[in-house]
């Protein structure tokens, strides 16, 4: 019987806890877009690696940015997508 090495994934860490200078604010949609899929869904914390506390804050800030029209709700609302279709 041969022993195979098991795949060990890279340890995920919270970007906001690691870098305290990184602002988690609805006014920074460039940071928030990293946590949204191209369809407009919020990515789960088990995939992004954010801690539970920061994920709750992140979700709130994404929803605020959507209300202020800084981030689109779905892919059909995306300005870039509408430009490509024309």
C-alpha atoms as a PDB file:
ATOM      1  CA  UNK A   1       0.000   0.000   0.000  1.00  0.00           C
ATOM      2  CA  UNK A   2       1.468   3.330  -0.999  1.00  0.00           C
ATOM      3  CA  UNK A   3       0.973   6.456   0.981  1.00  0.00           C
ATOM      4  CA  UNK A   4      -0.090   9.512  -0.964  1.00  0.00           C
ATOM      5  CA  UNK A   5       0.336  13.033   0.252  1.00  0.00           C
ATOM      6  CA  UNK A   6      -2.958  14.579   1.167  1.00  0.00           C
ATOM      7  CA  UNK A   7      -3.774  17.930  -0.363  1.00  0.00           C
ATOM      8  CA  UNK A   8      -3.474  20.642   2.251  1.00  0.00           C
ATOM      9  CA  UNK A   9      -5.143  23.867   1.176  1.00  0.00           C
ATOM     10  CA  UNK A  10      -3.587  27.232   1.950  1.00  0.00           C
ATOM     11  CA  UNK A  11      -4.720  28.661   5.279  1.00  0.00           C
ATOM     12  CA  UNK A  12      -7.300  31.383   4.740  1.00  0.00           C
ATOM     13  CA  UNK A  13      -7.162  34.561   6.769  1.00  0.00           C
ATOM     14  CA  UNK A  14      -9.340  37.598   7.255  1.00  0.00           C
ATOM     15  CA  UNK A  15      -8.050  40.507   5.167  1.00  0.00           C
ATOM     16  CA  UNK A  16      -9.644  43.056   7.467  1.00  0.00           C
ATOM     17  CA  UNK A  17      -8.233  41.617  10.692  1.00  0.00           C
ATOM     18  CA  UNK A  18      -4.780  41.174   9.166  1.00  0.00           C
ATOM     19  CA  UNK A  19      -4.632  44.741   7.851  1.00  0.00           C
ATOM     20  CA  UNK A  20      -6.260  47.189  10.260  1.00  0.00           C
ATOM     21  CA  UNK A  21      -5.668  50.073   7.819  1.00  0.00           C
ATOM     22  CA  UNK A  22      -7.921  48.451   5.196  1.00  0.00           C
ATOM     23  CA  UNK A  23     -11.259  50.276   5.576  1.00  0.00           C
ATOM     24  CA  UNK A  24     -14.479  48.303   5.521  1.00  0.00           C
ATOM     25  CA  UNK A  25     -16.845  51.017   4.340  1.00  0.00           C
ATOM     26  CA  UNK A  26     -19.639  51.295   1.795  1.00  0.00           C
ATOM     27  CA  UNK A  27     -17.849  54.286   0.247  1.00  0.00           C
ATOM     28  CA  UNK A  28     -15.083  51.982  -1.067  1.00  0.00           C
ATOM     29  CA  UNK A  29     -16.825  49.832  -3.711  1.00  0.00           C
ATOM     30  CA  UNK A  30     -13.464  48.786  -5.185  1.00  0.00           C
ATOM     31  CA  UNK A  31     -12.758  46.755  -2.037  1.00  0.00           C
ATOM     32  CA  UNK A  32     -16.320  45.451  -1.749  1.00  0.00           C
ATOM     33  CA  UNK A  33     -16.344  44.163  -5.350  1.00  0.00           C
ATOM     34  CA  UNK A  34     -13.738  41.552  -4.371  1.00  0.00           C
ATOM     35  CA  UNK A  35     -16.402  39.882  -2.229  1.00  0.00           C
ATOM     36  CA  UNK A  36     -19.173  39.838  -4.840  1.00  0.00           C
ATOM     37  CA  UNK A  37     -19.555  37.419  -7.748  1.00  0.00           C
ATOM     38  CA  UNK A  38     -20.084  38.608 -11.306  1.00  0.00           C
ATOM     39  CA  UNK A  39     -23.757  37.743 -10.830  1.00  0.00           C
ATOM     40  CA  UNK A  40     -23.983  40.096  -7.844  1.00  0.00           C
ATOM     41  CA  UNK A  41     -24.068  37.529  -5.033  1.00  0.00           C
ATOM     42  CA  UNK A  42     -22.143  37.996  -1.802  1.00  0.00           C
ATOM     43  CA  UNK A  43     -19.422  35.342  -1.512  1.00  0.00           C
ATOM     44  CA  UNK A  44     -19.569  33.110   1.582  1.00  0.00           C
ATOM     45  CA  UNK A  45     -16.981  33.479   4.328  1.00  0.00           C
ATOM     46  CA  UNK A  46     -15.797  29.880   3.985  1.00  0.00           C
ATOM     47  CA  UNK A  47     -14.637  30.784   0.484  1.00  0.00           C
ATOM     48  CA  UNK A  48     -13.228  34.271   1.126  1.00  0.00           C
ATOM     49  CA  UNK A  49     -11.695  33.439   4.507  1.00  0.00           C
ATOM     50  CA  UNK A  50     -13.086  36.422   6.397  1.00  0.00           C
ATOM     51  CA  UNK A  51     -13.935  35.953  10.054  1.00  0.00           C
ATOM     52  CA  UNK A  52     -17.571  35.890  11.188  1.00  0.00           C
ATOM     53  CA  UNK A  53     -17.490  39.385  12.682  1.00  0.00           C
ATOM     54  CA  UNK A  54     -15.999  40.960   9.563  1.00  0.00           C
ATOM     55  CA  UNK A  55     -18.331  38.977   7.298  1.00  0.00           C
ATOM     56  CA  UNK A  56     -21.369  40.457   9.067  1.00  0.00           C
ATOM     57  CA  UNK A  57     -19.939  43.963   8.711  1.00  0.00           C
ATOM     58  CA  UNK A  58     -19.016  43.258   5.090  1.00  0.00           C
ATOM     59  CA  UNK A  59     -22.540  42.110   4.258  1.00  0.00           C
ATOM     60  CA  UNK A  60     -24.021  45.241   5.827  1.00  0.00           C
ATOM     61  CA  UNK A  61     -21.633  47.514   3.923  1.00  0.00           C
ATOM     62  CA  UNK A  62     -22.320  45.761   0.604  1.00  0.00           C
ATOM     63  CA  UNK A  63     -26.053  46.206   1.122  1.00  0.00           C
ATOM     64  CA  UNK A  64     -25.541  49.887   1.950  1.00  0.00           C
ATOM     65  CA  UNK A  65     -23.440  50.378  -1.164  1.00  0.00           C
ATOM     66  CA  UNK A  66     -26.196  48.765  -3.224  1.00  0.00           C
ATOM     67  CA  UNK A  67     -28.759  51.151  -1.735  1.00  0.00           C
ATOM     68  CA  UNK A  68     -26.539  54.110  -2.631  1.00  0.00           C
ATOM     69  CA  UNK A  69     -26.123  52.708  -6.183  1.00  0.00           C
ATOM     70  CA  UNK A  70     -22.357  52.266  -5.805  1.00  0.00           C
ATOM     71  CA  UNK A  71     -22.611  48.514  -6.475  1.00  0.00           C
ATOM     72  CA  UNK A  72     -25.114  46.766  -8.734  1.00  0.00           C
ATOM     73  CA  UNK A  73     -27.652  44.273  -7.398  1.00  0.00           C
ATOM     74  CA  UNK A  74     -27.443  41.774 -10.270  1.00  0.00           C
ATOM     75  CA  UNK A  75     -25.513  41.311 -13.491  1.00  0.00           C
ATOM     76  CA  UNK A  76     -28.413  42.745 -15.501  1.00  0.00           C
ATOM     77  CA  UNK A  77     -28.051  46.028 -13.606  1.00  0.00           C
ATOM     78  CA  UNK A  78     -24.340  46.295 -14.290  1.00  0.00           C
ATOM     79  CA  UNK A  79     -23.358  49.352 -16.329  1.00  0.00           C
ATOM     80  CA  UNK A  80     -20.414  47.545 -17.912  1.00  0.00           C
ATOM     81  CA  UNK A  81     -22.679  44.748 -19.059  1.00  0.00           C
ATOM     82  CA  UNK A  82     -25.212  47.146 -20.556  1.00  0.00           C
ATOM     83  CA  UNK A  83     -22.436  48.909 -22.498  1.00  0.00           C
ATOM     84  CA  UNK A  84     -21.237  45.594 -23.952  1.00  0.00           C
ATOM     85  CA  UNK A  85     -24.730  44.742 -25.164  1.00  0.00           C
ATOM     86  CA  UNK A  86     -25.043  47.987 -27.155  1.00  0.00           C
END
